[in-house]
C-alpha cells in the first residue's frame, strides 16, 4: 500500500500535541483534583488545550483512514492488531505498574482496568474497542453512499452537543450510570437514559464511533480541492476559540479569584469544552486534518527530511505514545523545580509557557530517539513499539 505522506506528518504532530497536553496538565490538576495558581496559568492552559486537544481524535481518524473498511479477513486483521497494539501495551503496562505507585496494588487493579498512574493508556482500550466493531461495519462501509454516510455523520455531530446540553439542563439531575459504567451525577439523562439504563437513543452512534466514520469520509469523498485550506483554517480557529472561551469562562465561574482549587468533580466540569467527543474538539480535529492533507499531500516520499525524520518517528508513533510519560514526568518535575511556579517563577508571567514547551520539546526528542532505536531491534522491536 502506498504511504500517505501527509498522515505521517500528522501522526508525528499528534505525538507532539499529546506531550503538550500532558505537560499542561500539572497547571490545572493538583491537590485533591483541580488546582490553578494564577490567571496567567489559566490563560496558558486554555491556549495549549485549544491548540492540541485534537491529538487523540487525530490518531483515531488516521487509523480509520488506513484500516476501514478492512483490507483482509477479520482473523488476519485481529492478528495484526494484536501484535501491533496489544503486545506492546501489555509490556509497557507492566513497566508502569512497576515504576509508579505500589506495584502489588497496581497489578491487582490491572485485572479490571488500566493503571491510573499511567492514565494515558485509556486510549489503547478505547482504540481496541473501536477495532472490535470495524469488522461488523466493514460490509456497510464498502457500499455506503455519500448521502448515507453524511446522515450518520450528522447524527454523530448532534451527539457532540450533548455535553453542553447536559450542562445547560442543570446539575440537579438524578444519579445515572455514565457510558463508562461509572456513576456520574453531573450527567443529565437524555432521550431514554435513566438510572437503570445508560444506553439511550443515541448511545450507539455517539462517542469515538464518529471518528471512525470521519476517517472513511475523508478518504473516500474528500478530494484535493481548493477550499480545503480555508475550510480547515476556519474550522480550527472556530474550535480553538470555543475551547479557549469555554475554559476561561468555567475557570472564572469557579470562584472570585486565584488560586482556584476544588475536588475532582471541579476539574471534570472544567474539561467540558475539551471533551474529545464534544463539538469544539471535533472542529479542531477536522480543521487540522484538512490543513495537513492540503499542506503535505504533495510531499515526496524521497524527501530527505521525510525519510530520515518524519517516517521513522511516524512508524514509532504508537511506541512514543506508550512510553512518553516515563520521560515527560521527569522533565516536568525538573523544570518546575528549576523555574518555580506561575507568576512567582523566575520568568514571571512567562514561566508557565516556558515550562510547558521545554518539557514538551525535551520529552519529544528523547522519547522519539528511544522509540526509533527500540523499534529497530531485530525481532524484538515490533513487540516493544508496535
Protein backbone atom coordinates (compact mmCIF):
# COMPACT_ATOMS: atom_id res chain seq x y z
CA UNK A 1 0.00 0.00 0.00
CA UNK A 2 1.34 3.43 -0.96
CA UNK A 3 2.19 5.55 2.06
CA UNK A 4 0.04 8.54 2.82
CA UNK A 5 2.82 11.04 3.45
CA UNK A 6 0.50 13.66 4.92
CA UNK A 7 -0.67 11.17 7.55
CA UNK A 8 2.92 10.56 8.63
CA UNK A 9 3.39 14.30 9.19
CA UNK A 10 0.07 14.36 11.03
CA UNK A 11 0.92 11.44 13.31
CA UNK A 12 4.24 12.99 14.32
CA UNK A 13 2.50 16.27 15.04
CA UNK A 14 -0.16 14.45 17.08
CA UNK A 15 2.60 12.83 19.18
CA UNK A 16 3.99 16.29 19.88
CA UNK A 17 0.50 17.53 20.77
CA UNK A 18 -0.03 14.68 23.24
CA UNK A 19 3.10 15.75 25.05
CA UNK A 20 1.94 19.37 25.11
CA UNK A 21 -1.34 18.28 26.73
CA UNK A 22 0.40 16.18 29.35
CA UNK A 23 2.93 18.95 30.02
CA UNK A 24 -0.01 21.31 30.59
CA UNK A 25 -1.97 19.08 32.98
CA UNK A 26 0.11 19.89 36.10
CA UNK A 27 -1.01 23.53 35.77
CA UNK A 28 -4.70 22.77 36.31
CA UNK A 29 -4.69 19.37 38.02
CA UNK A 30 -3.32 19.08 41.53
CA UNK A 31 -4.26 18.96 45.18
CA UNK A 32 -7.48 16.98 45.53
CA UNK A 33 -8.47 17.38 41.90
CA UNK A 34 -8.30 20.81 40.27
CA UNK A 35 -5.73 23.48 41.07
CA UNK A 36 -4.85 26.63 39.07
CA UNK A 37 -2.46 29.01 40.79
CA UNK A 38 -2.96 32.18 38.76
CA UNK A 39 -4.87 33.85 35.96
CA UNK A 40 -1.74 33.54 33.83
CA UNK A 41 -1.72 29.77 34.29
CA UNK A 42 -5.43 29.64 33.43
CA UNK A 43 -4.78 31.53 30.18
CA UNK A 44 -1.93 29.29 29.07
CA UNK A 45 -3.83 26.13 29.97
CA UNK A 46 -6.71 27.30 27.78
CA UNK A 47 -4.43 28.21 24.85
CA UNK A 48 -2.45 24.96 24.82
CA UNK A 49 -5.57 22.86 25.30
CA UNK A 50 -7.26 24.72 22.47
CA UNK A 51 -4.39 24.05 20.07
CA UNK A 52 -3.58 20.47 21.00
CA UNK A 53 -6.67 18.73 22.41
CA UNK A 54 -7.47 17.23 18.99
CA UNK A 55 -4.42 14.95 19.26
CA UNK A 56 -6.29 11.81 20.35
CA UNK A 57 -9.07 12.05 17.72
CA UNK A 58 -6.39 12.63 15.08
CA UNK A 59 -4.78 9.28 15.92
CA UNK A 60 -8.13 7.53 15.61
CA UNK A 61 -9.08 9.19 12.30
CA UNK A 62 -5.64 8.33 10.86
CA UNK A 63 -6.11 4.68 11.85
CA UNK A 64 -9.62 4.58 10.37
CA UNK A 65 -8.41 6.28 7.19
CA UNK A 66 -5.95 3.44 6.59
CA UNK A 67 -7.77 0.43 8.09
CA UNK A 68 -11.51 0.96 7.47
CA UNK A 69 -13.10 -0.87 5.78
CA UNK A 70 -10.90 -3.90 6.37
CA UNK A 71 -8.44 -4.86 3.65
CA UNK A 72 -8.20 -8.50 4.75
CA UNK A 73 -10.07 -11.14 6.73
CA UNK A 74 -11.31 -10.48 10.25
CA UNK A 75 -8.93 -13.06 11.69
CA UNK A 76 -5.93 -11.55 9.92
CA UNK A 77 -6.98 -8.06 10.99
CA UNK A 78 -7.13 -9.03 14.67
CA UNK A 79 -3.86 -10.95 14.46
CA UNK A 80 -2.08 -7.92 13.03
CA UNK A 81 -3.68 -5.55 15.54
CA UNK A 82 -2.77 -7.84 18.44
CA UNK A 83 0.91 -7.75 17.51
CA UNK A 84 0.83 -4.05 16.69
CA UNK A 85 -1.30 -2.79 19.59
CA UNK A 86 -1.91 -5.29 22.38
CA UNK A 87 1.52 -6.84 22.92
CA UNK A 88 3.36 -3.50 23.33
CA UNK A 89 0.55 -2.22 25.55
CA UNK A 90 0.84 -5.22 27.88
CA UNK A 91 4.62 -4.88 28.10
CA UNK A 92 4.55 -1.18 28.96
CA UNK A 93 1.60 -1.58 31.29
CA UNK A 94 3.81 -3.86 33.36
CA UNK A 95 6.62 -1.29 33.24
CA UNK A 96 4.32 1.48 34.51
CA UNK A 97 2.93 -0.78 37.22
CA UNK A 98 6.47 -1.27 38.50
CA UNK A 99 7.60 2.34 38.01
CA UNK A 100 4.77 4.26 39.71
CA UNK A 101 2.95 3.69 42.98
CA UNK A 102 2.54 0.35 44.75
CA UNK A 103 3.30 -2.49 42.30
CA UNK A 104 1.15 -5.00 44.20
CA UNK A 105 -1.93 -2.77 44.12
CA UNK A 106 -1.18 -1.80 40.53
CA UNK A 107 -1.16 -5.40 39.36
CA UNK A 108 -4.37 -6.15 41.25
CA UNK A 109 -6.04 -3.20 39.57
CA UNK A 110 -4.90 -4.33 36.12
CA UNK A 111 -7.37 -7.19 36.29
CA UNK A 112 -10.17 -4.65 35.96
CA UNK A 113 -8.73 -1.56 34.26
CA UNK A 114 -5.60 0.29 33.17
CA UNK A 115 -3.12 1.52 35.75
CA UNK A 116 -4.26 5.02 36.77
CA UNK A 117 -0.63 6.00 37.31
CA UNK A 118 -0.37 5.63 33.53
CA UNK A 119 -3.70 7.23 32.73
CA UNK A 120 -2.83 7.82 29.08
CA UNK A 121 -3.25 4.10 28.44
CA UNK A 122 -7.03 4.58 28.46
CA UNK A 123 -6.59 5.41 24.77
CA UNK A 124 -5.48 1.88 23.93
CA UNK A 125 -8.59 0.35 25.47
CA UNK A 126 -10.79 2.74 23.51
CA UNK A 127 -8.87 2.02 20.30
CA UNK A 128 -9.26 -1.74 20.71
CA UNK A 129 -12.98 -1.21 21.32
CA UNK A 130 -13.25 0.64 18.00
CA UNK A 131 -11.31 -2.14 16.28
CA UNK A 132 -13.83 -4.66 17.61
CA UNK A 133 -16.67 -3.04 15.66
CA UNK A 134 -14.71 -2.47 12.45
CA UNK A 135 -15.41 -5.98 11.05
CA UNK A 136 -19.12 -5.54 11.78
CA UNK A 137 -19.31 -2.23 9.92
CA UNK A 138 -16.91 -3.03 7.08
CA UNK A 139 -19.51 -4.60 4.70
CA UNK A 140 -21.64 -1.47 5.12
CA UNK A 141 -18.61 0.81 4.70
CA UNK A 142 -17.75 -0.87 1.39
CA UNK A 143 -21.12 0.09 -0.10
CA UNK A 144 -22.18 3.24 1.75
CA UNK A 145 -23.09 6.23 -0.39
CA UNK A 146 -22.09 9.81 0.26
CA UNK A 147 -25.60 10.79 1.41
CA UNK A 148 -25.94 7.80 3.74
CA UNK A 149 -22.59 8.50 5.34
CA UNK A 150 -23.42 12.17 5.75
CA UNK A 151 -26.66 11.27 7.54
CA UNK A 152 -24.80 9.23 10.13
CA UNK A 153 -22.10 11.85 10.48
CA UNK A 154 -24.85 14.42 11.03
CA UNK A 155 -26.41 12.32 13.79
CA UNK A 156 -23.00 11.91 15.39
CA UNK A 157 -22.35 15.65 15.20
CA UNK A 158 -25.62 16.19 17.05
CA UNK A 159 -24.34 13.98 19.88
CA UNK A 160 -21.22 16.15 20.18
CA UNK A 161 -23.50 18.83 21.61
CA UNK A 162 -24.75 16.58 24.42
CA UNK A 163 -22.08 17.58 26.99
CA UNK A 164 -23.28 21.17 26.68
CA UNK A 165 -26.97 20.22 26.65
CA UNK A 166 -26.47 18.24 29.85
CA UNK A 167 -24.65 21.17 31.42
CA UNK A 168 -27.39 23.62 30.41
CA UNK A 169 -30.07 21.28 31.77
CA UNK A 170 -28.64 21.69 35.25
CA UNK A 171 -26.62 19.80 37.81
CA UNK A 172 -29.52 18.64 39.96
CA UNK A 173 -30.23 15.60 37.80
CA UNK A 174 -30.57 12.18 39.42
CA UNK A 175 -27.51 9.96 39.57
CA UNK A 176 -27.19 7.88 36.41
CA UNK A 177 -24.68 5.42 35.08
CA UNK A 178 -22.44 7.04 32.53
CA UNK A 179 -21.24 5.44 29.30
CA UNK A 180 -18.10 4.26 31.08
CA UNK A 181 -20.16 2.45 33.72
CA UNK A 182 -19.18 4.86 36.49
CA UNK A 183 -21.73 6.90 38.48
CA UNK A 184 -21.93 10.39 37.05
CA UNK A 185 -24.08 12.86 38.97
CA UNK A 186 -23.48 15.78 36.62
CA UNK A 187 -24.88 13.99 33.57
CA UNK A 188 -28.47 15.00 32.95
CA UNK A 189 -30.28 11.96 31.43
CA UNK A 190 -31.27 12.49 27.81
CA UNK A 191 -33.61 10.59 25.45
CA UNK A 192 -34.03 7.20 27.07
CA UNK A 193 -31.25 7.38 29.64
CA UNK A 194 -32.20 6.65 33.24
CA UNK A 195 -30.65 5.38 36.44
CA UNK A 196 -31.29 1.83 35.21
CA UNK A 197 -30.35 2.44 31.55
CA UNK A 198 -27.36 4.44 30.32
CA UNK A 199 -27.91 3.19 26.76
CA UNK A 200 -30.16 5.93 25.39
CA UNK A 201 -31.37 6.65 21.86
CA UNK A 202 -28.05 7.97 20.56
CA UNK A 203 -25.67 5.79 22.59
CA UNK A 204 -24.59 3.54 19.71
CA UNK A 205 -23.98 6.39 17.27
CA UNK A 206 -22.06 8.64 19.65
CA UNK A 207 -18.57 8.89 21.06
CA UNK A 208 -15.46 7.81 19.18
CA UNK A 209 -17.60 5.87 16.69
CA UNK A 210 -17.94 9.11 14.73
CA UNK A 211 -14.20 9.46 14.16
CA UNK A 212 -14.25 6.05 12.50
CA UNK A 213 -16.83 7.37 10.03
CA UNK A 214 -14.87 10.60 9.65
CA UNK A 215 -11.78 8.70 8.51
CA UNK A 216 -13.88 6.83 5.95
CA UNK A 217 -15.50 10.06 4.73
CA UNK A 218 -12.17 11.85 4.40
CA UNK A 219 -10.57 9.07 2.37
CA UNK A 220 -13.48 8.29 0.08
CA UNK A 221 -15.32 11.54 -0.52
CA UNK A 222 -12.96 14.46 0.16
CA UNK A 223 -10.68 15.02 -2.80
CA UNK A 224 -7.96 17.59 -3.39
CA UNK A 225 -10.00 20.78 -3.54
CA UNK A 226 -9.02 24.43 -3.36
CA UNK A 227 -11.27 25.17 -0.39
CA UNK A 228 -9.57 22.67 1.94
CA UNK A 229 -7.11 25.19 3.38
CA UNK A 230 -9.75 27.84 4.01
CA UNK A 231 -12.22 25.34 5.48
CA UNK A 232 -9.54 23.72 7.62
CA UNK A 233 -8.22 27.02 8.92
CA UNK A 234 -11.72 28.33 9.65
CA UNK A 235 -12.83 25.19 11.49
CA UNK A 236 -9.65 25.01 13.54
CA UNK A 237 -9.84 28.67 14.59
CA UNK A 238 -13.54 28.41 15.48
CA UNK A 239 -12.95 25.28 17.54
CA UNK A 240 -9.90 26.87 19.18
CA UNK A 241 -11.92 29.97 20.13
CA UNK A 242 -14.74 27.81 21.54
CA UNK A 243 -12.29 25.80 23.66
CA UNK A 244 -10.36 28.80 24.98
CA UNK A 245 -13.51 30.82 25.68
CA UNK A 246 -15.25 27.86 27.29
CA UNK A 247 -12.33 27.03 29.56
CA UNK A 248 -11.74 30.62 30.67
CA UNK A 249 -15.45 31.08 31.42
CA UNK A 250 -15.52 27.94 33.56
CA UNK A 251 -12.37 28.97 35.38
CA UNK A 252 -13.85 32.40 36.13
CA UNK A 253 -17.15 30.88 37.30
CA UNK A 254 -15.42 28.64 39.84
CA UNK A 255 -14.58 31.38 42.34
CA UNK A 256 -13.86 35.09 42.68
CA UNK A 257 -10.11 34.80 42.41
CA UNK A 258 -6.97 32.71 42.18
CA UNK A 259 -5.70 30.25 43.13
CA UNK A 260 -8.62 28.06 42.04
CA UNK A 261 -8.95 24.73 43.81
CA UNK A 262 -11.59 22.06 44.04
CA UNK A 263 -12.28 18.33 44.12
CA UNK A 264 -12.02 16.07 41.09
CA UNK A 265 -15.60 16.91 40.10
CA UNK A 266 -14.50 20.54 39.67
CA UNK A 267 -11.71 19.53 37.29
CA UNK A 268 -14.15 17.34 35.35
CA UNK A 269 -16.52 20.29 34.98
CA UNK A 270 -13.66 22.47 33.75
CA UNK A 271 -12.92 19.94 31.00
CA UNK A 272 -16.38 20.06 29.40
CA UNK A 273 -15.19 22.27 26.49
CA UNK A 274 -12.31 19.87 25.77
CA UNK A 275 -14.15 16.57 25.89
CA UNK A 276 -12.80 14.51 23.00
CA UNK A 277 -16.25 13.89 21.55
CA UNK A 278 -17.55 17.43 22.01
CA UNK A 279 -18.14 19.79 19.10
CA UNK A 280 -15.21 22.22 19.76
CA UNK A 281 -12.64 19.40 19.67
CA UNK A 282 -14.35 17.87 16.63
CA UNK A 283 -13.98 21.21 14.85
CA UNK A 284 -10.25 21.48 15.60
CA UNK A 285 -9.80 17.83 14.59
CA UNK A 286 -11.49 18.28 11.21
CA UNK A 287 -9.64 21.55 10.74
CA UNK A 288 -6.19 20.09 11.28
CA UNK A 289 -7.00 17.07 9.12
CA UNK A 290 -7.97 19.29 6.19
CA UNK A 291 -4.97 21.55 6.68
CA UNK A 292 -2.43 18.72 6.80
CA UNK A 293 -3.99 16.99 3.81
CA UNK A 294 -3.78 20.23 1.88
CA UNK A 295 -0.25 21.12 3.01
CA UNK A 296 1.52 17.76 2.78
CA UNK A 297 -0.31 15.69 0.16
CA UNK A 298 2.18 16.82 -2.46
CA UNK A 299 5.26 15.98 -0.41
CA UNK A 300 7.58 13.40 -1.92
CA UNK A 301 8.48 10.16 -0.20
CA UNK A 302 12.02 10.76 -1.45
CA UNK A 303 12.49 13.92 0.61
CA UNK A 304 15.49 13.54 2.92
CA UNK A 305 13.68 15.16 5.86
CA UNK A 306 10.71 12.87 5.39
CA UNK A 307 12.76 9.67 5.09
CA UNK A 308 15.21 10.45 7.91
CA UNK A 309 12.97 12.20 10.44
CA UNK A 310 9.24 12.05 9.80
CA UNK A 311 8.91 8.46 8.57
CA UNK A 312 10.90 6.82 11.41
CA UNK A 313 9.03 8.88 14.03
CA UNK A 314 5.68 8.10 12.43
CA UNK A 315 6.40 4.36 12.39
CA UNK A 316 7.39 4.56 16.06
CA UNK A 317 4.49 6.89 16.96
CA UNK A 318 2.49 4.31 18.89
CA UNK A 319 5.55 3.38 20.90
CA UNK A 320 6.21 7.04 21.60
CA UNK A 321 2.69 7.35 22.98
CA UNK A 322 3.14 4.32 25.21
CA UNK A 323 6.45 5.32 26.78
CA UNK A 324 6.36 9.11 26.82
CA UNK A 325 5.04 9.54 30.37
CA UNK A 326 8.09 7.74 31.80
CA UNK A 327 10.22 10.57 30.42
CA UNK A 328 7.82 13.51 30.48
CA UNK A 329 7.05 13.18 34.19
CA UNK A 330 10.75 13.55 34.97
CA UNK A 331 11.27 16.60 32.76
CA UNK A 332 8.13 18.24 34.14
CA UNK A 333 9.34 17.83 37.72
CA UNK A 334 12.79 19.15 36.87
CA UNK A 335 11.57 22.27 35.09
CA UNK A 336 9.05 23.05 37.83
CA UNK A 337 11.85 22.74 40.37
CA UNK A 338 14.28 24.91 38.39
CA UNK A 339 11.92 27.65 37.20
CA UNK A 340 9.38 27.84 40.02
CA UNK A 341 5.60 28.09 39.68
CA UNK A 342 3.27 30.56 38.00
CA UNK A 343 3.89 34.29 38.09
CA UNK A 344 6.18 33.80 41.08
CA UNK A 345 8.60 31.81 38.93
CA UNK A 346 11.94 33.10 37.70
CA UNK A 347 10.47 34.16 34.34
CA UNK A 348 7.37 35.85 35.74
CA UNK A 349 4.31 35.51 33.52
CA UNK A 350 6.38 33.52 31.01
CA UNK A 351 7.34 30.82 33.50
CA UNK A 352 4.36 28.59 32.70
CA UNK A 353 4.58 28.57 28.88
CA UNK A 354 8.35 28.10 29.00
CA UNK A 355 7.93 25.13 31.36
CA UNK A 356 5.25 23.56 29.17
CA UNK A 357 7.18 23.98 25.93
CA UNK A 358 10.54 22.98 27.44
CA UNK A 359 9.04 19.83 28.95
CA UNK A 360 7.35 19.02 25.65
CA UNK A 361 10.36 19.54 23.40
CA UNK A 362 12.85 17.73 25.65
CA UNK A 363 10.45 14.82 26.09
CA UNK A 364 9.70 14.64 22.37
CA UNK A 365 13.37 14.49 21.39
CA UNK A 366 14.32 11.86 23.98
CA UNK A 367 11.20 9.74 23.54
CA UNK A 368 11.42 9.89 19.75
CA UNK A 369 15.05 8.79 19.75
CA UNK A 370 14.44 5.96 22.21
CA UNK A 371 11.32 4.73 20.39
CA UNK A 372 13.02 4.67 16.98
CA UNK A 373 16.03 2.80 18.37
CA UNK A 374 13.90 0.27 20.23
CA UNK A 375 11.77 -0.37 17.18
CA UNK A 376 14.85 -1.19 15.13
CA UNK A 377 15.94 -4.03 17.44
CA UNK A 378 15.69 -7.17 15.28
CA UNK A 379 12.73 -9.46 16.09
CA UNK A 380 12.02 -7.71 19.40
CA UNK A 381 11.36 -4.14 18.25
CA UNK A 382 7.87 -4.68 16.87
CA UNK A 383 6.73 -6.19 20.17
CA UNK A 384 8.08 -3.22 22.12
CA UNK A 385 6.99 -0.32 19.91
CA UNK A 386 4.30 -1.81 17.68
